[in-house]
Amino acid sequence: MDKSAFELPWQQAFEFVEATLGGRIISVERQERWRTAFYINVEVPGGGVTPVYYRGARDQDTGGLNIRHEYNILCALEKNGIEVPKLYGFCEEPAGIVM
């Protein structure tokens, strides 16, 4: 599905993904589950495609505090040699992890 099919605030999330990876989103698929999440394919310079996962906050009304905490834990685990998904960054609005 094309990223333009999704309403705000998800357009902001997709812009963050493109800026963070330095590429262009070529497909987006929303994962059907209790929290908002997307499978995203990003065409990066050089012609490759990088698949990423955008994990949104469980409840956007919390201001992303729970998802920020989850991101910080993943960063700490990674820093200490524990294998976690590759972390690309944290999107502030709407709150979510790009991995």
Protein backbone atom coordinates (compact mmCIF):
# COMPACT_ATOMS: atom_id res chain seq x y z
CA MET A 1 0.00 0.00 0.00
CA ASP A 2 1.17 3.52 -0.70
CA LYS A 3 2.10 5.65 2.32
CA SER A 4 -0.29 8.40 1.19
CA ALA A 5 -3.21 6.08 1.99
CA PHE A 6 -2.65 6.66 5.71
CA GLU A 7 -3.88 9.73 7.57
CA LEU A 8 -1.99 12.01 9.93
CA PRO A 9 -0.19 11.47 12.24
CA TRP A 10 1.21 8.47 10.36
CA GLN A 11 2.42 10.66 7.51
CA GLN A 12 4.77 12.29 10.05
CA ALA A 13 6.04 8.86 11.08
CA PHE A 14 6.73 7.94 7.45
CA GLU A 15 8.60 11.22 6.90
CA PHE A 16 10.72 10.39 9.96
CA VAL A 17 11.50 6.93 8.57
CA GLU A 18 12.57 8.37 5.21
CA ALA A 19 14.75 11.04 6.84
CA THR A 20 16.34 8.56 9.25
CA LEU A 21 17.20 6.00 6.58
CA GLY A 22 17.96 8.59 3.90
CA GLY A 23 15.66 6.90 1.43
CA ARG A 24 12.16 6.72 0.01
CA ILE A 25 9.35 4.49 1.24
CA ILE A 26 8.18 2.17 -1.53
CA SER A 27 5.62 0.14 0.45
CA VAL A 28 3.78 0.21 3.76
CA GLU A 29 1.71 -2.55 5.32
CA ARG A 30 -0.13 -2.00 8.57
CA GLN A 31 0.17 -4.91 10.96
CA GLU A 32 -3.22 -5.84 12.33
CA ARG A 33 -2.80 -5.90 16.09
CA TRP A 34 -3.73 -4.05 19.27
CA ARG A 35 -1.00 -1.44 18.85
CA THR A 36 -0.28 0.47 15.68
CA ALA A 37 2.61 -1.04 13.76
CA PHE A 38 3.81 -1.02 10.16
CA TYR A 39 6.06 -3.10 7.92
CA ILE A 40 7.85 -0.58 5.72
CA ASN A 41 10.21 -1.06 2.77
CA VAL A 42 12.58 1.83 2.15
CA GLU A 43 14.53 2.24 -1.07
CA VAL A 44 17.94 3.53 -0.01
CA PRO A 45 20.70 5.19 -2.04
CA GLY A 46 22.43 2.69 -4.28
CA GLY A 47 19.18 0.95 -5.17
CA GLY A 48 18.86 -1.40 -2.21
CA VAL A 49 15.72 -1.90 -0.16
CA THR A 50 15.81 -1.85 3.64
CA PRO A 51 12.85 -3.40 5.44
CA VAL A 52 11.98 -1.74 8.75
CA TYR A 53 9.31 -2.13 11.38
CA TYR A 54 7.61 0.87 12.97
CA ARG A 55 6.28 -0.05 16.43
CA GLY A 56 3.87 2.57 17.68
CA ALA A 57 2.87 3.31 21.24
CA ARG A 58 0.25 1.11 22.83
CA ASP A 59 -1.91 4.13 23.51
CA GLN A 60 -1.09 7.39 21.76
CA ASP A 61 -2.76 9.29 24.63
CA THR A 62 0.17 8.45 26.94
CA GLY A 63 2.43 10.78 24.98
CA GLY A 64 4.64 7.84 24.07
CA LEU A 65 6.08 7.38 27.56
CA ASN A 66 5.70 3.60 27.52
CA ILE A 67 7.20 3.20 24.05
CA ARG A 68 10.06 5.56 24.94
CA HIS A 69 10.81 3.36 27.96
CA GLU A 70 10.75 0.29 25.71
CA TYR A 71 13.19 1.99 23.30
CA ASN A 72 15.54 2.90 26.17
CA ILE A 73 15.51 -0.71 27.39
CA LEU A 74 16.30 -2.00 23.90
CA CYS A 75 19.19 0.49 23.64
CA ALA A 76 20.57 -0.63 27.02
CA LEU A 77 20.33 -4.30 26.06
CA GLU A 78 22.08 -3.63 22.75
CA LYS A 79 24.82 -1.61 24.47
CA ASN A 80 25.49 -4.55 26.77
CA GLY A 81 25.86 -7.07 23.95
CA ILE A 82 22.39 -8.56 24.09
CA GLU A 83 20.95 -9.15 20.64
CA VAL A 84 17.95 -6.97 19.80
CA PRO A 85 16.43 -5.87 16.49
CA LYS A 86 18.52 -3.22 14.70
CA LEU A 87 17.40 0.12 16.09
CA TYR A 88 17.24 3.03 13.64
CA GLY A 89 15.71 5.59 15.95
CA PHE A 90 12.83 6.90 18.01
CA CYS A 91 10.09 9.00 16.41
CA GLU A 92 8.69 11.57 18.82
CA GLU A 93 5.40 12.28 17.04
CA PRO A 94 3.67 9.96 16.71
CA ALA A 95 5.71 8.09 19.28
CA GLY A 96 7.29 4.94 17.90
CA ILE A 97 10.41 2.85 17.43
CA VAL A 98 11.93 2.32 13.99
CA MET A 99 13.69 -1.05 13.94
